[in-house]
Amino acid sequence: MGSAELTLWARLEALDPGAVAAALWEDRTLVKTWAMRGTLHLLPAGELGLWLAGLGTYDHYLKPAWIRAFDISEAALLELIDEVGDALGGEPLTRAELAAAVVERTGDEGLREKLGQGFGAYLKPAAFRGRLCFGPGDGQKVRFTRPDVWLGHEIERPDGEEALREIARRYLAVHGPATREDLRRWWATTPAAAGKLLRSLEDATEVELDGDPHWMLAADAEAAATLPAASGVRLLPAFDQYVIAATKQAGHFLAGEHRDRIYRPQGWISPVLLIDGLMAGVWRHERKGRRLEVVVEPFGRLPRGARPAIREEAERLAAYLGGELALSYA
């Protein structure tokens, strides 16, 4: 959640502390759920139907390999999705409370351990089908609810294929030019499905970069020809979307062999120092009493004017998180 909040902070100059929490748990204009790639996202409540329609096309958890790996039959998994959704028809439940409710409904004691697993493997399919999302926590414990219950209304969804095309357009609008493999990885689909989806977009066009085919929205391809080079300094948090989307293209955004310092084992994505659109280093922050310590580790010699811009960005972070800035370089 801290990274999700700082992802918005990095892009919005006037984000108020507490605004994200208020949008999630008070105004309910954001919804926290497992989305693309089975990772946690904050999605706009007003557009939740679009994302659920797209996620509803996921079927990897019904494939024989998944079924074998997680020791559950397809029929039992589909029943579990329904039981989870029905159990969440009232007040939000902690993981343990949800597991107890499902066990009581099914009589299957073995589900208690499955539903109690921290990574939520058995809960994610319910989220993809719109039968589960996150509610406000109970202390350190997460709680779950159902999207329609939490928002107070039925969620209308477009056709799944139509939703996928709109999601692909949005992906290209933010991350284009992108290859078929880029989209495949971001949405967690197959190369063939990603290619078919890109070819189905009437307002997208294929462009060539370094001899390889990429895709962009046609309007953006025309505008890109006259855009100035990227400029500015940003401190991007861990798991930032810019960095995640660049995974397969990281060589275009890095100078030198520093990929492993950003894309680390077990799926960890480091906070990144972004200078003129390029990943120029990593950074970390830690609160110590009244001080907010920010340590920046450049990958090489910083360009002229970068240090004042980094300090300005770090001061903006300290103002947002609260604390007296202590900036250093490693």
C-alpha atoms as a PDB file:
ATOM      1  CA  MET A   1       0.000   0.000   0.000  1.00  0.00           C
ATOM      2  CA  GLY A   2       2.882   2.351   0.678  1.00  0.00           C
ATOM      3  CA  SER A   3       4.193   1.819  -2.834  1.00  0.00           C
ATOM      4  CA  ALA A   4       0.732   2.301  -4.351  1.00  0.00           C
ATOM      5  CA  GLU A   5       0.380   5.618  -2.553  1.00  0.00           C
ATOM      6  CA  LEU A   6       3.840   6.814  -3.598  1.00  0.00           C
ATOM      7  CA  THR A   7       3.085   5.809  -7.191  1.00  0.00           C
ATOM      8  CA  LEU A   8       0.377   8.486  -7.146  1.00  0.00           C
ATOM      9  CA  TRP A   9       2.587  10.924  -5.226  1.00  0.00           C
ATOM     10  CA  ALA A  10       5.242  10.637  -7.954  1.00  0.00           C
ATOM     11  CA  ARG A  11       2.713  11.792 -10.555  1.00  0.00           C
ATOM     12  CA  LEU A  12       0.552  14.282  -8.663  1.00  0.00           C
ATOM     13  CA  GLU A  13       1.969  17.492  -7.289  1.00  0.00           C
ATOM     14  CA  ALA A  14      -0.973  18.181  -4.974  1.00  0.00           C
ATOM     15  CA  LEU A  15      -1.748  14.749  -3.496  1.00  0.00           C
ATOM     16  CA  ASP A  16      -2.847  15.154   0.116  1.00  0.00           C
ATOM     17  CA  PRO A  17      -1.576  12.696   2.735  1.00  0.00           C
ATOM     18  CA  GLY A  18      -4.418  10.357   3.558  1.00  0.00           C
ATOM     19  CA  ALA A  19      -6.186  10.944   0.233  1.00  0.00           C
ATOM     20  CA  VAL A  20      -5.604   7.403  -0.985  1.00  0.00           C
ATOM     21  CA  ALA A  21      -6.854   5.844   2.259  1.00  0.00           C
ATOM     22  CA  ALA A  22      -9.905   8.103   2.173  1.00  0.00           C
ATOM     23  CA  ALA A  23     -10.651   7.172  -1.434  1.00  0.00           C
ATOM     24  CA  LEU A  24     -10.411   3.485  -0.538  1.00  0.00           C
ATOM     25  CA  TRP A  25     -12.172   3.193   2.798  1.00  0.00           C
ATOM     26  CA  GLU A  26     -14.342   6.312   3.109  1.00  0.00           C
ATOM     27  CA  ASP A  27     -15.351   7.613  -0.323  1.00  0.00           C
ATOM     28  CA  ARG A  28     -15.013   4.144  -1.923  1.00  0.00           C
ATOM     29  CA  THR A  29     -13.893   5.670  -5.210  1.00  0.00           C
ATOM     30  CA  LEU A  30     -10.970   3.222  -5.347  1.00  0.00           C
ATOM     31  CA  VAL A  31     -11.167  -0.553  -4.925  1.00  0.00           C
ATOM     32  CA  LYS A  32      -8.265  -2.711  -3.786  1.00  0.00           C
ATOM     33  CA  THR A  33      -8.197  -6.136  -5.405  1.00  0.00           C
ATOM     34  CA  TRP A  34      -6.052  -8.735  -7.140  1.00  0.00           C
ATOM     35  CA  ALA A  35      -5.917  -7.791 -10.818  1.00  0.00           C
ATOM     36  CA  MET A  36      -3.535  -8.276 -13.768  1.00  0.00           C
ATOM     37  CA  ARG A  37      -0.821 -10.865 -13.166  1.00  0.00           C
ATOM     38  CA  GLY A  38      -2.557 -11.731  -9.906  1.00  0.00           C
ATOM     39  CA  THR A  39      -0.964  -8.707  -8.203  1.00  0.00           C
ATOM     40  CA  LEU A  40      -2.634  -6.154  -5.970  1.00  0.00           C
ATOM     41  CA  HIS A  41      -3.946  -3.005  -7.637  1.00  0.00           C
ATOM     42  CA  LEU A  42      -6.081  -0.018  -6.740  1.00  0.00           C
ATOM     43  CA  LEU A  43      -8.747   0.365  -9.432  1.00  0.00           C
ATOM     44  CA  PRO A  44     -11.234   3.223  -9.974  1.00  0.00           C
ATOM     45  CA  ALA A  45     -14.605   2.134  -8.585  1.00  0.00           C
ATOM     46  CA  GLY A  46     -16.419   3.831 -11.449  1.00  0.00           C
ATOM     47  CA  GLU A  47     -14.546   1.651 -13.957  1.00  0.00           C
ATOM     48  CA  LEU A  48     -14.481  -1.574 -11.979  1.00  0.00           C
ATOM     49  CA  GLY A  49     -16.873  -3.290 -14.389  1.00  0.00           C
ATOM     50  CA  LEU A  50     -14.385  -2.812 -17.230  1.00  0.00           C
ATOM     51  CA  TRP A  51     -11.552  -4.435 -15.304  1.00  0.00           C
ATOM     52  CA  LEU A  52     -13.692  -7.260 -13.947  1.00  0.00           C
ATOM     53  CA  ALA A  53     -14.919  -8.009 -17.459  1.00  0.00           C
ATOM     54  CA  GLY A  54     -11.332  -8.239 -18.664  1.00  0.00           C
ATOM     55  CA  LEU A  55     -10.165 -10.260 -15.654  1.00  0.00           C
ATOM     56  CA  GLY A  56     -13.174 -12.525 -16.121  1.00  0.00           C
ATOM     57  CA  THR A  57     -11.479 -13.845 -19.275  1.00  0.00           C
ATOM     58  CA  TYR A  58      -8.643 -15.271 -17.170  1.00  0.00           C
ATOM     59  CA  ASP A  59      -8.767 -19.049 -17.128  1.00  0.00           C
ATOM     60  CA  HIS A  60      -5.219 -20.079 -16.233  1.00  0.00           C
ATOM     61  CA  TYR A  61      -6.400 -21.327 -12.849  1.00  0.00           C
ATOM     62  CA  LEU A  62      -8.672 -23.821 -14.639  1.00  0.00           C
ATOM     63  CA  LYS A  63      -5.820 -25.366 -16.612  1.00  0.00           C
ATOM     64  CA  PRO A  64      -4.697 -28.892 -15.596  1.00  0.00           C
ATOM     65  CA  ALA A  65      -1.244 -27.705 -14.468  1.00  0.00           C
ATOM     66  CA  TRP A  66      -2.734 -25.183 -12.009  1.00  0.00           C
ATOM     67  CA  ILE A  67      -5.322 -27.661 -10.771  1.00  0.00           C
ATOM     68  CA  ARG A  68      -2.606 -30.257 -10.096  1.00  0.00           C
ATOM     69  CA  ALA A  69      -0.244 -27.796  -8.449  1.00  0.00           C
ATOM     70  CA  PHE A  70      -2.868 -26.514  -6.034  1.00  0.00           C
ATOM     71  CA  ASP A  71      -4.438 -29.879  -5.278  1.00  0.00           C
ATOM     72  CA  ILE A  72      -8.031 -29.049  -6.083  1.00  0.00           C
ATOM     73  CA  SER A  73     -10.396 -30.157  -8.823  1.00  0.00           C
ATOM     74  CA  GLU A  74     -11.910 -27.745 -11.323  1.00  0.00           C
ATOM     75  CA  ALA A  75     -15.399 -28.424  -9.996  1.00  0.00           C
ATOM     76  CA  ALA A  76     -14.259 -27.858  -6.406  1.00  0.00           C
ATOM     77  CA  LEU A  77     -12.519 -24.612  -7.344  1.00  0.00           C
ATOM     78  CA  LEU A  78     -15.596 -23.248  -9.114  1.00  0.00           C
ATOM     79  CA  GLU A  79     -17.700 -24.191  -6.107  1.00  0.00           C
ATOM     80  CA  LEU A  80     -15.165 -22.513  -3.823  1.00  0.00           C
ATOM     81  CA  ILE A  81     -15.407 -19.263  -5.823  1.00  0.00           C
ATOM     82  CA  ASP A  82     -19.171 -19.230  -5.334  1.00  0.00           C
ATOM     83  CA  GLU A  83     -18.927 -20.097  -1.645  1.00  0.00           C
ATOM     84  CA  VAL A  84     -16.393 -17.315  -1.047  1.00  0.00           C
ATOM     85  CA  GLY A  85     -18.651 -14.815  -2.801  1.00  0.00           C
ATOM     86  CA  ASP A  86     -21.711 -15.925  -0.834  1.00  0.00           C
ATOM     87  CA  ALA A  87     -19.805 -15.765   2.455  1.00  0.00           C
ATOM     88  CA  LEU A  88     -18.871 -12.149   1.713  1.00  0.00           C
ATOM     89  CA  GLY A  89     -22.454 -10.983   1.370  1.00  0.00           C
ATOM     90  CA  GLY A  90     -22.401  -9.184   4.729  1.00  0.00           C
ATOM     91  CA  GLU A  91     -19.754  -7.436   6.809  1.00  0.00           C
ATOM     92  CA  PRO A  92     -16.077  -7.643   5.761  1.00  0.00           C
ATOM     93  CA  LEU A  93     -14.302 -10.743   7.039  1.00  0.00           C
ATOM     94  CA  THR A  94     -10.694 -11.394   7.998  1.00  0.00           C
ATOM     95  CA  ARG A  95      -8.890 -14.211   6.237  1.00  0.00           C
ATOM     96  CA  ALA A  96      -9.534 -16.522   9.195  1.00  0.00           C
ATOM     97  CA  GLU A  97     -13.190 -15.502   9.435  1.00  0.00           C
ATOM     98  CA  LEU A  98     -13.694 -16.056   5.712  1.00  0.00           C
ATOM     99  CA  ALA A  99     -12.044 -19.469   5.888  1.00  0.00           C
ATOM    100  CA  ALA A 100     -14.234 -20.427   8.860  1.00  0.00           C
ATOM    101  CA  ALA A 101     -17.379 -19.290   7.047  1.00  0.00           C
ATOM    102  CA  VAL A 102     -16.519 -21.293   3.930  1.00  0.00           C
ATOM    103  CA  VAL A 103     -15.670 -24.390   5.977  1.00  0.00           C
ATOM    104  CA  GLU A 104     -18.996 -24.087   7.783  1.00  0.00           C
ATOM    105  CA  ARG A 105     -20.842 -23.759   4.472  1.00  0.00           C
ATOM    106  CA  THR A 106     -19.066 -26.635   2.736  1.00  0.00           C
ATOM    107  CA  GLY A 107     -18.098 -28.941   5.575  1.00  0.00           C
ATOM    108  CA  ASP A 108     -14.632 -29.242   3.996  1.00  0.00           C
ATOM    109  CA  GLU A 109     -12.100 -28.669   6.778  1.00  0.00           C
ATOM    110  CA  GLY A 110      -9.243 -28.846   4.261  1.00  0.00           C
ATOM    111  CA  LEU A 111     -10.272 -25.478   2.846  1.00  0.00           C
ATOM    112  CA  ARG A 112      -9.287 -23.710   6.069  1.00  0.00           C
ATOM    113  CA  GLU A 113      -5.583 -24.114   5.381  1.00  0.00           C
ATOM    114  CA  LYS A 114      -5.947 -23.343   1.670  1.00  0.00           C
ATOM    115  CA  LEU A 115      -7.826 -20.082   2.267  1.00  0.00           C
ATOM    116  CA  GLY A 116      -5.439 -19.076   5.035  1.00  0.00           C
ATOM    117  CA  GLN A 117      -2.391 -18.928   2.768  1.00  0.00           C
ATOM    118  CA  GLY A 118      -0.840 -15.460   2.680  1.00  0.00           C
ATOM    119  CA  PHE A 119      -0.428 -15.162  -1.094  1.00  0.00           C
ATOM    120  CA  GLY A 120      -4.125 -15.788  -1.651  1.00  0.00           C
ATOM    121  CA  ALA A 121      -3.757 -18.346  -4.441  1.00  0.00           C
ATOM    122  CA  TYR A 122      -7.206 -19.802  -3.745  1.00  0.00           C
ATOM    123  CA  LEU A 123      -8.785 -16.350  -3.331  1.00  0.00           C
ATOM    124  CA  LYS A 124      -7.464 -14.710  -6.490  1.00  0.00           C
ATOM    125  CA  PRO A 125      -9.827 -16.623  -8.820  1.00  0.00           C
ATOM    126  CA  ALA A 126     -12.732 -15.228  -6.777  1.00  0.00           C
ATOM    127  CA  ALA A 127     -11.311 -11.722  -7.220  1.00  0.00           C
ATOM    128  CA  PHE A 128     -10.944 -12.225 -10.994  1.00  0.00           C
ATOM    129  CA  ARG A 129     -14.621 -13.174 -11.144  1.00  0.00           C
ATOM    130  CA  GLY A 130     -15.735 -10.186  -9.115  1.00  0.00           C
ATOM    131  CA  ARG A 131     -16.632 -12.194  -6.040  1.00  0.00           C
ATOM    132  CA  LEU A 132     -14.010 -10.715  -3.709  1.00  0.00           C
ATOM    133  CA  CYS A 133     -12.118  -7.492  -3.036  1.00  0.00           C
ATOM    134  CA  PHE A 134     -10.384  -5.986  -0.025  1.00  0.00           C
ATOM    135  CA  GLY A 135     -12.187  -4.125   2.724  1.00  0.00           C
ATOM    136  CA  PRO A 136     -10.708  -1.956   5.480  1.00  0.00           C
ATOM    137  CA  GLY A 137      -8.248  -3.844   7.640  1.00  0.00           C
ATOM    138  CA  ASP A 138      -8.764  -4.972  11.203  1.00  0.00           C
ATOM    139  CA  GLY A 139      -5.532  -3.793  12.800  1.00  0.00           C
ATOM    140  CA  GLN A 140      -2.778  -5.771  11.097  1.00  0.00           C
ATOM    141  CA  LYS A 141      -5.262  -8.228   9.594  1.00  0.00           C
ATOM    142  CA  VAL A 142      -6.612  -7.796   6.076  1.00  0.00           C
ATOM    143  CA  ARG A 143     -10.346  -8.118   5.556  1.00  0.00           C
ATOM    144  CA  PHE A 144     -12.303  -9.062   2.467  1.00  0.00           C
ATOM    145  CA  THR A 145     -15.678  -8.087   1.092  1.00  0.00           C
ATOM    146  CA  ARG A 146     -17.494  -8.374  -2.223  1.00  0.00           C
ATOM    147  CA  PRO A 147     -17.313  -5.524  -4.756  1.00  0.00           C
ATOM    148  CA  ASP A 148     -21.080  -5.117  -5.194  1.00  0.00           C
ATOM    149  CA  VAL A 149     -21.606  -5.219  -1.429  1.00  0.00           C
ATOM    150  CA  TRP A 150     -18.811  -2.739  -0.775  1.00  0.00           C
ATOM    151  CA  LEU A 151     -19.961  -0.272  -3.450  1.00  0.00           C
ATOM    152  CA  GLY A 152     -23.651  -0.764  -2.743  1.00  0.00           C
ATOM    153  CA  HIS A 153     -24.780  -1.600  -6.263  1.00  0.00           C
ATOM    154  CA  GLU A 154     -24.535  -4.196  -8.978  1.00  0.00           C
ATOM    155  CA  ILE A 155     -21.497  -3.771 -11.195  1.00  0.00           C
ATOM    156  CA  GLU A 156     -22.266  -3.632 -14.893  1.00  0.00           C
ATOM    157  CA  ARG A 157     -19.670  -5.255 -17.109  1.00  0.00           C
ATOM    158  CA  PRO A 158     -19.134  -4.930 -20.842  1.00  0.00           C
ATOM    159  CA  ASP A 159     -18.478  -7.938 -23.033  1.00  0.00           C
ATOM    160  CA  GLY A 160     -15.175  -9.587 -22.106  1.00  0.00           C
ATOM    161  CA  GLU A 161     -13.590  -9.205 -25.544  1.00  0.00           C
ATOM    162  CA  GLU A 162     -14.692  -5.576 -25.729  1.00  0.00           C
ATOM    163  CA  ALA A 163     -13.186  -4.993 -22.294  1.00  0.00           C
ATOM    164  CA  LEU A 164      -9.882  -6.553 -23.358  1.00  0.00           C
ATOM    165  CA  ARG A 165      -9.668  -4.222 -26.358  1.00  0.00           C
ATOM    166  CA  GLU A 166     -10.285  -1.175 -24.167  1.00  0.00           C
ATOM    167  CA  ILE A 167      -7.711  -2.359 -21.639  1.00  0.00           C
ATOM    168  CA  ALA A 168      -5.192  -2.883 -24.451  1.00  0.00           C
ATOM    169  CA  ARG A 169      -5.871   0.660 -25.719  1.00  0.00           C
ATOM    170  CA  ARG A 170      -5.223   2.052 -22.259  1.00  0.00           C
ATOM    171  CA  TYR A 171      -2.042   0.028 -21.996  1.00  0.00           C
ATOM    172  CA  LEU A 172      -0.753   1.408 -25.298  1.00  0.00           C
ATOM    173  CA  ALA A 173      -1.797   4.942 -24.363  1.00  0.00           C
ATOM    174  CA  VAL A 174       0.455   4.779 -21.304  1.00  0.00           C
ATOM    175  CA  HIS A 175       3.183   2.313 -22.285  1.00  0.00           C
ATOM    176  CA  GLY A 176       3.346   2.413 -26.070  1.00  0.00           C
ATOM    177  CA  PRO A 177       5.327   1.771 -28.166  1.00  0.00           C
ATOM    178  CA  ALA A 178       5.098  -1.791 -26.892  1.00  0.00           C
ATOM    179  CA  THR A 179       5.722  -5.224 -28.313  1.00  0.00           C
ATOM    180  CA  ARG A 180       3.424  -8.192 -28.285  1.00  0.00           C
ATOM    181  CA  GLU A 181       5.623  -9.661 -25.543  1.00  0.00           C
ATOM    182  CA  ASP A 182       5.288  -6.510 -23.434  1.00  0.00           C
ATOM    183  CA  LEU A 183       1.510  -6.737 -23.477  1.00  0.00           C
ATOM    184  CA  ARG A 184       1.634 -10.493 -22.941  1.00  0.00           C
ATOM    185  CA  ARG A 185       3.656 -10.102 -19.791  1.00  0.00           C
ATOM    186  CA  TRP A 186       1.727  -7.111 -18.405  1.00  0.00           C
ATOM    187  CA  TRP A 187      -1.661  -8.782 -18.799  1.00  0.00           C
ATOM    188  CA  ALA A 188      -0.365 -12.318 -18.120  1.00  0.00           C
ATOM    189  CA  THR A 189      -1.702 -13.878 -21.296  1.00  0.00           C
ATOM    190  CA  THR A 190      -0.184 -15.899 -24.149  1.00  0.00           C
ATOM    191  CA  PRO A 191       1.899 -14.392 -26.983  1.00  0.00           C
ATOM    192  CA  ALA A 192      -0.698 -15.475 -29.519  1.00  0.00           C
ATOM    193  CA  ALA A 193      -3.560 -13.920 -27.557  1.00  0.00           C
ATOM    194  CA  ALA A 194      -1.620 -10.668 -27.068  1.00  0.00           C
ATOM    195  CA  GLY A 195      -0.837 -10.471 -30.778  1.00  0.00           C
ATOM    196  CA  LYS A 196      -4.441 -11.145 -31.744  1.00  0.00           C
ATOM    197  CA  LEU A 197      -5.626  -8.484 -29.318  1.00  0.00           C
ATOM    198  CA  LEU A 198      -3.246  -5.871 -30.719  1.00  0.00           C
ATOM    199  CA  ARG A 199      -4.278  -6.645 -34.291  1.00  0.00           C
ATOM    200  CA  SER A 200      -7.938  -6.242 -33.323  1.00  0.00           C
ATOM    201  CA  LEU A 201      -7.471  -2.573 -32.346  1.00  0.00           C
ATOM    202  CA  GLU A 202      -8.656  -0.420 -35.243  1.00  0.00           C
ATOM    203  CA  ASP A 203      -7.067   2.693 -33.732  1.00  0.00           C
ATOM    204  CA  ALA A 204      -3.626   1.100 -33.190  1.00  0.00           C
ATOM    205  CA  THR A 205      -0.747   0.921 -35.636  1.00  0.00           C
ATOM    206  CA  GLU A 206       2.466  -1.047 -35.945  1.00  0.00           C
ATOM    207  CA  VAL A 207       5.728   0.892 -35.812  1.00  0.00           C
ATOM    208  CA  GLU A 208       9.335  -0.246 -36.087  1.00  0.00           C
ATOM    209  CA  LEU A 209      11.963   0.426 -33.432  1.00  0.00           C
ATOM    210  CA  ASP A 210      15.476  -0.955 -33.793  1.00  0.00           C
ATOM    211  CA  GLY A 211      14.176  -3.302 -36.437  1.00  0.00           C
ATOM    212  CA  ASP A 212      11.521  -4.847 -34.166  1.00  0.00           C
ATOM    213  CA  PRO A 213       7.737  -4.456 -34.502  1.00  0.00           C
ATOM    214  CA  HIS A 214       6.011  -2.396 -31.801  1.00  0.00           C
ATOM    215  CA  TRP A 215       2.490  -1.094 -31.380  1.00  0.00           C
ATOM    216  CA  MET A 216       1.125   2.343 -30.555  1.00  0.00           C
ATOM    217  CA  LEU A 217      -2.196   4.093 -30.775  1.00  0.00           C
ATOM    218  CA  ALA A 218      -2.214   5.702 -34.209  1.00  0.00           C
ATOM    219  CA  ALA A 219      -2.842   9.186 -32.808  1.00  0.00           C
ATOM    220  CA  ASP A 220       0.068   8.806 -30.386  1.00  0.00           C
ATOM    221  CA  ALA A 221       2.385   7.607 -33.160  1.00  0.00           C
ATOM    222  CA  GLU A 222       1.728  10.820 -35.061  1.00  0.00           C
ATOM    223  CA  ALA A 223       2.234  12.977 -31.975  1.00  0.00           C
ATOM    224  CA  ALA A 224       5.420  11.151 -30.933  1.00  0.00           C
ATOM    225  CA  ALA A 225       7.225  12.388 -34.016  1.00  0.00           C
ATOM    226  CA  THR A 226       7.184  15.953 -32.649  1.00  0.00           C
ATOM    227  CA  LEU A 227       7.543  15.310 -28.928  1.00  0.00           C
ATOM    228  CA  PRO A 228      10.629  16.717 -27.191  1.00  0.00           C
ATOM    229  CA  ALA A 229      12.923  14.394 -25.280  1.00  0.00           C
ATOM    230  CA  ALA A 230      11.802  13.421 -21.774  1.00  0.00           C
ATOM    231  CA  SER A 231      13.118  15.625 -18.990  1.00  0.00           C
ATOM    232  CA  GLY A 232      12.918  15.870 -15.221  1.00  0.00           C
ATOM    233  CA  VAL A 233      13.721  13.882 -12.091  1.00  0.00           C
ATOM    234  CA  ARG A 234      11.381  11.560 -10.245  1.00  0.00           C
ATOM    235  CA  LEU A 235      11.800   9.209  -7.300  1.00  0.00           C
ATOM    236  CA  LEU A 236       9.663   6.254  -8.322  1.00  0.00           C
ATOM    237  CA  PRO A 237       8.653   3.868  -5.516  1.00  0.00           C
ATOM    238  CA  ALA A 238       9.020   0.109  -5.411  1.00  0.00           C
ATOM    239  CA  PHE A 239       6.786  -1.736  -7.889  1.00  0.00           C
ATOM    240  CA  ASP A 240       6.135   1.391  -9.920  1.00  0.00           C
ATOM    241  CA  GLN A 241       4.136   0.758 -13.114  1.00  0.00           C
ATOM    242  CA  TYR A 242       6.675   2.565 -15.311  1.00  0.00           C
ATOM    243  CA  VAL A 243       9.401   0.181 -14.181  1.00  0.00           C
ATOM    244  CA  ILE A 244       7.218  -2.927 -14.283  1.00  0.00           C
ATOM    245  CA  ALA A 245       6.053  -2.205 -17.839  1.00  0.00           C
ATOM    246  CA  ALA A 246       9.658  -1.737 -18.963  1.00  0.00           C
ATOM    247  CA  THR A 247      10.780  -5.151 -17.695  1.00  0.00           C
ATOM    248  CA  LYS A 248      11.430  -6.699 -21.114  1.00  0.00           C
ATOM    249  CA  GLN A 249      12.679  -3.393 -22.549  1.00  0.00           C
ATOM    250  CA  ALA A 250      14.839  -2.375 -19.600  1.00  0.00           C
ATOM    251  CA  GLY A 251      17.958  -2.195 -21.752  1.00  0.00           C
ATOM    252  CA  HIS A 252      16.511   0.860 -23.492  1.00  0.00           C
ATOM    253  CA  PHE A 253      16.089   2.632 -20.152  1.00  0.00           C
ATOM    254  CA  LEU A 254      19.367   1.733 -18.457  1.00  0.00           C
ATOM    255  CA  ALA A 255      22.987   2.708 -18.981  1.00  0.00           C
ATOM    256  CA  GLY A 256      25.229  -0.209 -18.068  1.00  0.00           C
ATOM    257  CA  GLU A 257      24.616  -3.569 -16.432  1.00  0.00           C
ATOM    258  CA  HIS A 258      22.374  -2.555 -13.564  1.00  0.00           C
ATOM    259  CA  ARG A 259      19.218  -4.487 -14.348  1.00  0.00           C
ATOM    260  CA  ASP A 260      19.678  -6.873 -11.406  1.00  0.00           C
ATOM    261  CA  ARG A 261      19.703  -3.947  -8.983  1.00  0.00           C
ATOM    262  CA  ILE A 262      16.171  -3.048 -10.068  1.00  0.00           C
ATOM    263  CA  TYR A 263      14.556  -6.350 -11.041  1.00  0.00           C
ATOM    264  CA  ARG A 264      15.449  -8.459  -8.033  1.00  0.00           C
ATOM    265  CA  PRO A 265      14.656 -12.044  -6.950  1.00  0.00           C
ATOM    266  CA  GLN A 266      11.153 -13.116  -5.856  1.00  0.00           C
ATOM    267  CA  GLY A 267       9.572 -10.425  -8.019  1.00  0.00           C
ATOM    268  CA  TRP A 268      10.880  -7.471  -5.996  1.00  0.00           C
ATOM    269  CA  ILE A 269      11.057  -4.214  -7.975  1.00  0.00           C
ATOM    270  CA  SER A 270      13.364  -1.603  -6.408  1.00  0.00           C
ATOM    271  CA  PRO A 271      12.544   2.090  -6.035  1.00  0.00           C
ATOM    272  CA  VAL A 272      14.110   3.862  -9.012  1.00  0.00           C
ATOM    273  CA  LEU A 273      15.767   7.237  -9.571  1.00  0.00           C
ATOM    274  CA  LEU A 274      14.373   8.367 -12.921  1.00  0.00           C
ATOM    275  CA  ILE A 275      16.284  11.091 -14.788  1.00  0.00           C
ATOM    276  CA  ASP A 276      14.979  12.239 -18.165  1.00  0.00           C
ATOM    277  CA  GLY A 277      12.998   9.005 -18.479  1.00  0.00           C
ATOM    278  CA  LEU A 278      16.027   6.778 -17.802  1.00  0.00           C
ATOM    279  CA  MET A 279      16.608   4.553 -14.777  1.00  0.00           C
ATOM    280  CA  ALA A 280      19.670   6.264 -13.359  1.00  0.00           C
ATOM    281  CA  GLY A 281      19.846   4.677  -9.914  1.00  0.00           C
ATOM    282  CA  VAL A 282      17.949   3.250  -6.966  1.00  0.00           C
ATOM    283  CA  TRP A 283      16.977   4.827  -3.677  1.00  0.00           C
ATOM    284  CA  ARG A 284      15.451   4.070  -0.291  1.00  0.00           C
ATOM    285  CA  HIS A 285      13.898   5.973   2.559  1.00  0.00           C
ATOM    286  CA  GLU A 286      13.488   5.339   6.260  1.00  0.00           C
ATOM    287  CA  ARG A 287      11.938   7.321   9.071  1.00  0.00           C
ATOM    288  CA  LYS A 288      14.151   7.760  12.120  1.00  0.00           C
ATOM    289  CA  GLY A 289      12.436   9.824  14.764  1.00  0.00           C
ATOM    290  CA  ARG A 290      11.692  13.221  13.259  1.00  0.00           C
ATOM    291  CA  ARG A 291      14.038  12.608  10.354  1.00  0.00           C
ATOM    292  CA  LEU A 292      13.207  11.111   6.989  1.00  0.00           C
ATOM    293  CA  GLU A 293      16.424   9.612   5.683  1.00  0.00           C
ATOM    294  CA  VAL A 294      16.590   9.344   1.882  1.00  0.00           C
ATOM    295  CA  VAL A 295      19.588   7.507   0.411  1.00  0.00           C
ATOM    296  CA  VAL A 296      20.159   7.715  -3.359  1.00  0.00           C
ATOM    297  CA  GLU A 297      22.472   5.265  -5.151  1.00  0.00           C
ATOM    298  CA  PRO A 298      23.237   6.539  -8.663  1.00  0.00           C
ATOM    299  CA  PHE A 299      24.417   4.008 -11.222  1.00  0.00           C
ATOM    300  CA  GLY A 300      27.064   6.411 -12.466  1.00  0.00           C
ATOM    301  CA  ARG A 301      28.008  10.048 -12.653  1.00  0.00           C
ATOM    302  CA  LEU A 302      24.942  12.242 -12.371  1.00  0.00           C
ATOM    303  CA  PRO A 303      24.259  14.762 -15.154  1.00  0.00           C
ATOM    304  CA  ARG A 304      24.652  18.470 -14.499  1.00  0.00           C
ATOM    305  CA  GLY A 305      21.754  19.876 -12.496  1.00  0.00           C
ATOM    306  CA  ALA A 306      20.554  16.475 -11.286  1.00  0.00           C
ATOM    307  CA  ARG A 307      21.525  16.871  -7.624  1.00  0.00           C
ATOM    308  CA  PRO A 308      19.428  20.019  -7.014  1.00  0.00           C
ATOM    309  CA  ALA A 309      16.503  18.331  -8.767  1.00  0.00           C
ATOM    310  CA  ILE A 310      16.940  15.189  -6.649  1.00  0.00           C
ATOM    311  CA  ARG A 311      16.962  17.300  -3.491  1.00  0.00           C
ATOM    312  CA  GLU A 312      13.805  19.083  -4.599  1.00  0.00           C
ATOM    313  CA  GLU A 313      12.114  15.740  -5.201  1.00  0.00           C
ATOM    314  CA  ALA A 314      13.307  14.387  -1.837  1.00  0.00           C
ATOM    315  CA  GLU A 315      12.036  17.524  -0.094  1.00  0.00           C
ATOM    316  CA  ARG A 316       8.674  16.974  -1.751  1.00  0.00           C
ATOM    317  CA  LEU A 317       8.702  13.413  -0.388  1.00  0.00           C
ATOM    318  CA  ALA A 318       9.573  14.597   3.115  1.00  0.00           C
ATOM    319  CA  ALA A 319       6.783  17.159   3.002  1.00  0.00           C
ATOM    320  CA  TYR A 320       4.343  14.447   1.975  1.00  0.00           C
ATOM    321  CA  LEU A 321       5.425  11.782   4.471  1.00  0.00           C
ATOM    322  CA  GLY A 322       6.319  14.236   7.214  1.00  0.00           C
ATOM    323  CA  GLY A 323       9.762  14.635   8.722  1.00  0.00           C
ATOM    324  CA  GLU A 324      12.977  16.591   8.392  1.00  0.00           C
ATOM    325  CA  LEU A 325      14.842  15.539   5.278  1.00  0.00           C
ATOM    326  CA  ALA A 326      18.270  13.934   5.574  1.00  0.00           C
ATOM    327  CA  LEU A 327      19.481  13.272   2.029  1.00  0.00           C
ATOM    328  CA  SER A 328      22.638  11.331   1.272  1.00  0.00           C
ATOM    329  CA  TYR A 329      24.277   9.447  -1.602  1.00  0.00           C
ATOM    330  CA  ALA A 330      25.754   5.960  -1.537  1.00  0.00           C
END
